[in-house]
Amino acid sequence: MARRGRAPMICRNCGTEIADKALICYRCGGATFEARRKAPPAVPPRASVLPVLAAATLALAGLVMGQAGTEALPDEVSYTIAGLASAVALGTWVRRRRAAGSGSRPGSSS
């Protein structure tokens, strides 16, 4: 396969003579050159605080529901439950918006 006085190209994996401009070996599939760019390291997913907030809200709501028939709830407890529920709802909404917007957007430069 060698042409014009060049030494034939030999696969580093299996030793087969391959074409001068081959990107991969036809016999073993091994690459004939090193990649110019390296893949970025995988980033582990971040832990979300949303499940913790949801669990706290459910636990607090369960405690309140158990006492709801016995006496009036203090305003602080009612506001805390409403705030936690709002935080969970807002966090869910933001997370969905980010997931929906993670694709390429028109006009954005990446």
N, C-alpha and C. Protein backbone atom coordinates (compact mmCIF):
# COMPACT_ATOMS: atom_id res chain seq x y z
N MET A 1 0.79 -1.21 0.00
CA MET A 1 0.00 0.00 0.00
C MET A 1 0.83 1.26 0.00
N ALA A 2 2.08 1.17 0.29
CA ALA A 2 2.94 2.35 0.33
C ALA A 2 3.06 2.94 -1.06
N ARG A 3 2.93 4.27 -1.13
CA ARG A 3 3.02 4.95 -2.41
C ARG A 3 4.07 6.03 -2.35
N ARG A 4 4.63 6.34 -3.48
CA ARG A 4 5.58 7.44 -3.67
C ARG A 4 6.73 7.41 -2.69
N GLY A 5 7.27 6.29 -2.41
CA GLY A 5 8.47 6.19 -1.60
C GLY A 5 8.24 6.32 -0.11
N ARG A 6 7.01 6.44 0.35
CA ARG A 6 6.74 6.54 1.79
C ARG A 6 6.73 5.15 2.40
N ALA A 7 7.11 5.11 3.66
CA ALA A 7 7.01 3.84 4.38
C ALA A 7 5.54 3.58 4.66
N PRO A 8 5.12 2.34 4.61
CA PRO A 8 3.70 2.06 4.87
C PRO A 8 3.33 2.40 6.31
N MET A 9 2.08 2.79 6.49
CA MET A 9 1.59 3.09 7.83
C MET A 9 1.16 1.77 8.47
N ILE A 10 1.57 1.57 9.70
CA ILE A 10 1.29 0.33 10.42
C ILE A 10 0.42 0.65 11.63
N CYS A 11 -0.63 -0.14 11.84
CA CYS A 11 -1.52 0.03 13.00
C CYS A 11 -0.73 -0.27 14.28
N ARG A 12 -0.88 0.60 15.27
CA ARG A 12 -0.18 0.42 16.55
C ARG A 12 -0.78 -0.72 17.38
N ASN A 13 -2.04 -1.03 17.12
CA ASN A 13 -2.70 -2.07 17.93
C ASN A 13 -2.44 -3.48 17.40
N CYS A 14 -2.63 -3.66 16.07
CA CYS A 14 -2.57 -5.02 15.55
C CYS A 14 -1.43 -5.24 14.55
N GLY A 15 -0.75 -4.18 14.11
CA GLY A 15 0.38 -4.33 13.20
C GLY A 15 0.01 -4.47 11.74
N THR A 16 -1.25 -4.27 11.39
CA THR A 16 -1.70 -4.38 10.00
C THR A 16 -1.26 -3.16 9.21
N GLU A 17 -0.85 -3.36 7.96
CA GLU A 17 -0.51 -2.25 7.07
C GLU A 17 -1.81 -1.58 6.65
N ILE A 18 -1.89 -0.26 6.83
CA ILE A 18 -3.12 0.47 6.51
C ILE A 18 -2.79 1.67 5.62
N ALA A 19 -3.81 2.30 5.07
CA ALA A 19 -3.64 3.45 4.19
C ALA A 19 -3.00 4.61 4.94
N ASP A 20 -2.26 5.44 4.18
CA ASP A 20 -1.54 6.56 4.79
C ASP A 20 -2.46 7.54 5.51
N LYS A 21 -3.64 7.77 4.98
CA LYS A 21 -4.54 8.77 5.56
C LYS A 21 -5.69 8.15 6.37
N ALA A 22 -5.54 6.91 6.73
CA ALA A 22 -6.59 6.22 7.48
C ALA A 22 -6.71 6.81 8.88
N LEU A 23 -7.94 6.99 9.33
CA LEU A 23 -8.19 7.48 10.69
C LEU A 23 -8.26 6.34 11.69
N ILE A 24 -8.77 5.19 11.20
CA ILE A 24 -8.86 4.00 12.05
C ILE A 24 -8.37 2.80 11.26
N CYS A 25 -7.96 1.78 11.95
CA CYS A 25 -7.53 0.54 11.32
C CYS A 25 -8.76 -0.24 10.86
N TYR A 26 -8.71 -0.72 9.62
CA TYR A 26 -9.86 -1.47 9.09
C TYR A 26 -9.99 -2.84 9.73
N ARG A 27 -8.93 -3.35 10.32
CA ARG A 27 -9.00 -4.69 10.90
C ARG A 27 -9.44 -4.66 12.37
N CYS A 28 -8.78 -3.82 13.19
CA CYS A 28 -9.09 -3.84 14.64
C CYS A 28 -9.93 -2.64 15.10
N GLY A 29 -10.03 -1.59 14.26
CA GLY A 29 -10.81 -0.42 14.64
C GLY A 29 -10.08 0.57 15.53
N GLY A 30 -8.79 0.33 15.75
CA GLY A 30 -8.00 1.24 16.59
C GLY A 30 -7.71 2.56 15.90
N ALA A 31 -7.64 3.63 16.67
CA ALA A 31 -7.33 4.95 16.13
C ALA A 31 -5.88 4.99 15.67
N THR A 32 -5.62 5.74 14.61
CA THR A 32 -4.26 5.84 14.08
C THR A 32 -3.53 7.06 14.61
N PHE A 33 -4.20 7.92 15.34
CA PHE A 33 -3.56 9.10 15.90
C PHE A 33 -4.23 9.46 17.23
N GLU A 34 -3.57 10.28 18.02
CA GLU A 34 -4.12 10.73 19.30
C GLU A 34 -5.09 11.87 19.05
N ALA A 35 -6.13 11.97 19.84
CA ALA A 35 -7.11 13.03 19.72
C ALA A 35 -6.47 14.37 20.04
N ARG A 36 -6.83 15.40 19.29
CA ARG A 36 -6.29 16.74 19.54
C ARG A 36 -6.90 17.36 20.80
N ARG A 37 -8.17 17.11 20.97
CA ARG A 37 -8.86 17.66 22.14
C ARG A 37 -9.22 16.52 23.08
N LYS A 38 -9.08 16.78 24.34
CA LYS A 38 -9.45 15.80 25.35
C LYS A 38 -10.86 16.12 25.83
N ALA A 39 -11.63 15.11 26.12
CA ALA A 39 -12.98 15.31 26.64
C ALA A 39 -12.90 15.92 28.03
N PRO A 40 -13.79 16.87 28.35
CA PRO A 40 -13.78 17.45 29.69
C PRO A 40 -14.13 16.39 30.72
N PRO A 41 -13.60 16.52 31.92
CA PRO A 41 -13.93 15.53 32.95
C PRO A 41 -15.41 15.59 33.29
N ALA A 42 -15.96 14.44 33.61
CA ALA A 42 -17.39 14.36 33.95
C ALA A 42 -17.62 15.06 35.29
N VAL A 43 -18.65 15.87 35.33
CA VAL A 43 -19.00 16.60 36.54
C VAL A 43 -20.12 15.83 37.25
N PRO A 44 -19.90 15.44 38.49
CA PRO A 44 -20.96 14.73 39.20
C PRO A 44 -22.15 15.66 39.44
N PRO A 45 -23.36 15.13 39.41
CA PRO A 45 -24.53 15.98 39.65
C PRO A 45 -24.53 16.53 41.07
N ARG A 46 -24.99 17.76 41.17
CA ARG A 46 -25.06 18.40 42.48
C ARG A 46 -26.22 17.84 43.28
N ALA A 47 -26.01 17.79 44.57
CA ALA A 47 -27.10 17.37 45.46
C ALA A 47 -28.12 18.51 45.54
N SER A 48 -29.37 18.17 45.46
CA SER A 48 -30.43 19.17 45.49
C SER A 48 -30.96 19.32 46.91
N VAL A 49 -31.28 20.54 47.27
CA VAL A 49 -31.85 20.82 48.59
C VAL A 49 -33.38 20.66 48.55
N LEU A 50 -33.93 20.52 47.34
CA LEU A 50 -35.36 20.43 47.19
C LEU A 50 -35.98 19.23 47.92
N PRO A 51 -35.42 18.03 47.84
CA PRO A 51 -36.02 16.92 48.58
C PRO A 51 -36.02 17.14 50.09
N VAL A 52 -34.99 17.80 50.60
CA VAL A 52 -34.93 18.08 52.04
C VAL A 52 -36.05 19.06 52.42
N LEU A 53 -36.24 20.09 51.61
CA LEU A 53 -37.31 21.04 51.89
C LEU A 53 -38.68 20.37 51.80
N ALA A 54 -38.85 19.51 50.82
CA ALA A 54 -40.13 18.81 50.69
C ALA A 54 -40.40 17.92 51.89
N ALA A 55 -39.38 17.20 52.34
CA ALA A 55 -39.55 16.32 53.50
C ALA A 55 -39.86 17.13 54.75
N ALA A 56 -39.17 18.26 54.93
CA ALA A 56 -39.43 19.11 56.10
C ALA A 56 -40.85 19.66 56.06
N THR A 57 -41.28 20.07 54.88
CA THR A 57 -42.64 20.60 54.75
C THR A 57 -43.68 19.54 55.07
N LEU A 58 -43.48 18.33 54.55
CA LEU A 58 -44.42 17.26 54.84
C LEU A 58 -44.44 16.88 56.32
N ALA A 59 -43.26 16.84 56.93
CA ALA A 59 -43.20 16.51 58.36
C ALA A 59 -43.91 17.57 59.19
N LEU A 60 -43.64 18.82 58.87
CA LEU A 60 -44.27 19.92 59.62
C LEU A 60 -45.78 19.94 59.38
N ALA A 61 -46.18 19.70 58.15
CA ALA A 61 -47.61 19.66 57.85
C ALA A 61 -48.28 18.51 58.59
N GLY A 62 -47.61 17.37 58.70
CA GLY A 62 -48.16 16.24 59.44
C GLY A 62 -48.33 16.55 60.91
N LEU A 63 -47.34 17.22 61.48
CA LEU A 63 -47.46 17.62 62.90
C LEU A 63 -48.61 18.59 63.11
N VAL A 64 -48.73 19.53 62.20
CA VAL A 64 -49.79 20.53 62.33
C VAL A 64 -51.17 19.88 62.14
N MET A 65 -51.26 18.98 61.17
CA MET A 65 -52.54 18.32 60.93
C MET A 65 -52.97 17.49 62.13
N GLY A 66 -52.02 16.94 62.84
CA GLY A 66 -52.34 16.15 64.03
C GLY A 66 -52.88 17.00 65.16
N GLN A 67 -52.49 18.28 65.18
CA GLN A 67 -52.94 19.17 66.25
C GLN A 67 -54.03 20.14 65.77
N ALA A 68 -54.44 20.03 64.53
CA ALA A 68 -55.35 21.03 63.96
C ALA A 68 -56.70 21.07 64.67
N GLY A 69 -57.19 19.91 65.12
CA GLY A 69 -58.50 19.90 65.75
C GLY A 69 -58.48 20.27 67.22
N THR A 70 -57.31 20.29 67.83
CA THR A 70 -57.26 20.50 69.28
C THR A 70 -57.19 21.97 69.67
N GLU A 71 -56.46 22.76 68.92
CA GLU A 71 -56.31 24.18 69.29
C GLU A 71 -55.95 24.99 68.05
N ALA A 72 -56.00 26.29 68.18
CA ALA A 72 -55.65 27.17 67.06
C ALA A 72 -54.14 27.17 66.86
N LEU A 73 -53.72 27.25 65.60
CA LEU A 73 -52.29 27.27 65.29
C LEU A 73 -51.73 28.67 65.49
N PRO A 74 -50.53 28.77 66.02
CA PRO A 74 -49.88 30.09 66.08
C PRO A 74 -49.59 30.59 64.67
N ASP A 75 -49.58 31.89 64.51
CA ASP A 75 -49.32 32.48 63.20
C ASP A 75 -47.95 32.07 62.66
N GLU A 76 -46.95 31.95 63.55
CA GLU A 76 -45.60 31.60 63.10
C GLU A 76 -45.59 30.25 62.40
N VAL A 77 -46.35 29.30 62.94
CA VAL A 77 -46.39 27.96 62.34
C VAL A 77 -47.06 28.03 60.97
N SER A 78 -48.16 28.75 60.89
CA SER A 78 -48.87 28.87 59.61
C SER A 78 -47.98 29.53 58.56
N TYR A 79 -47.28 30.58 58.94
CA TYR A 79 -46.39 31.28 58.00
C TYR A 79 -45.21 30.39 57.61
N THR A 80 -44.70 29.61 58.54
CA THR A 80 -43.58 28.72 58.23
C THR A 80 -44.01 27.66 57.22
N ILE A 81 -45.17 27.07 57.41
CA ILE A 81 -45.67 26.07 56.47
C ILE A 81 -45.89 26.69 55.10
N ALA A 82 -46.50 27.85 55.08
CA ALA A 82 -46.75 28.52 53.80
C ALA A 82 -45.43 28.87 53.11
N GLY A 83 -44.45 29.33 53.87
CA GLY A 83 -43.14 29.68 53.29
C GLY A 83 -42.42 28.47 52.73
N LEU A 84 -42.44 27.36 53.48
CA LEU A 84 -41.78 26.15 53.00
C LEU A 84 -42.47 25.60 51.75
N ALA A 85 -43.78 25.62 51.76
CA ALA A 85 -44.51 25.14 50.58
C ALA A 85 -44.22 26.03 49.37
N SER A 86 -44.14 27.34 49.59
CA SER A 86 -43.81 28.27 48.50
C SER A 86 -42.39 28.02 47.99
N ALA A 87 -41.46 27.78 48.91
CA ALA A 87 -40.07 27.52 48.51
C ALA A 87 -39.97 26.25 47.68
N VAL A 88 -40.68 25.22 48.07
CA VAL A 88 -40.67 23.96 47.32
C VAL A 88 -41.29 24.18 45.94
N ALA A 89 -42.41 24.88 45.88
CA ALA A 89 -43.07 25.14 44.60
C ALA A 89 -42.18 25.98 43.69
N LEU A 90 -41.55 27.01 44.24
CA LEU A 90 -40.66 27.87 43.46
C LEU A 90 -39.43 27.09 42.98
N GLY A 91 -38.87 26.28 43.86
CA GLY A 91 -37.72 25.47 43.48
C GLY A 91 -38.05 24.49 42.36
N THR A 92 -39.21 23.88 42.42
CA THR A 92 -39.64 22.96 41.37
C THR A 92 -39.82 23.70 40.05
N TRP A 93 -40.42 24.87 40.11
CA TRP A 93 -40.64 25.66 38.91
C TRP A 93 -39.32 26.07 38.27
N VAL A 94 -38.39 26.57 39.08
CA VAL A 94 -37.08 27.00 38.57
C VAL A 94 -36.33 25.81 37.97
N ARG A 95 -36.38 24.69 38.64
CA ARG A 95 -35.68 23.50 38.14
C ARG A 95 -36.23 23.06 36.79
N ARG A 96 -37.54 23.09 36.63
CA ARG A 96 -38.15 22.72 35.35
C ARG A 96 -37.80 23.71 34.26
N ARG A 97 -37.76 24.99 34.60
CA ARG A 97 -37.40 26.01 33.62
C ARG A 97 -35.96 25.82 33.15
N ARG A 98 -35.07 25.52 34.08
CA ARG A 98 -33.66 25.30 33.71
C ARG A 98 -33.52 24.07 32.84
N ALA A 99 -34.26 23.00 33.17
CA ALA A 99 -34.18 21.77 32.38
C ALA A 99 -34.74 22.00 30.98
N ALA A 100 -35.81 22.78 30.87
CA ALA A 100 -36.40 23.05 29.56
C ALA A 100 -35.53 23.98 28.75
N GLY A 101 -34.80 24.87 29.41
CA GLY A 101 -33.96 25.83 28.70
C GLY A 101 -32.53 25.38 28.52
N SER A 102 -32.20 24.14 28.86
CA SER A 102 -30.82 23.70 28.76
C SER A 102 -30.40 23.45 27.32
N GLY A 103 -31.34 23.34 26.39
CA GLY A 103 -31.01 23.17 24.98
C GLY A 103 -30.48 24.48 24.42
N SER A 104 -30.09 24.46 23.16
CA SER A 104 -29.55 25.68 22.55
C SER A 104 -30.69 26.66 22.30
N ARG A 105 -30.43 27.91 22.59
CA ARG A 105 -31.42 28.95 22.39
C ARG A 105 -31.01 29.78 21.17
N PRO A 106 -31.99 30.28 20.41
CA PRO A 106 -31.65 31.14 19.28
C PRO A 106 -30.97 32.40 19.79
N GLY A 107 -29.91 32.80 19.11
CA GLY A 107 -29.21 34.02 19.48
C GLY A 107 -28.16 33.84 20.55
N SER A 108 -28.07 32.67 21.14
CA SER A 108 -27.05 32.46 22.16
C SER A 108 -25.79 31.96 21.50
N SER A 109 -24.65 32.41 22.01
CA SER A 109 -23.38 31.95 21.44
C SER A 109 -22.74 31.00 22.39
N SER A 110 -22.46 29.80 21.90
CA SER A 110 -21.84 28.78 22.74
C SER A 110 -20.54 28.36 22.13
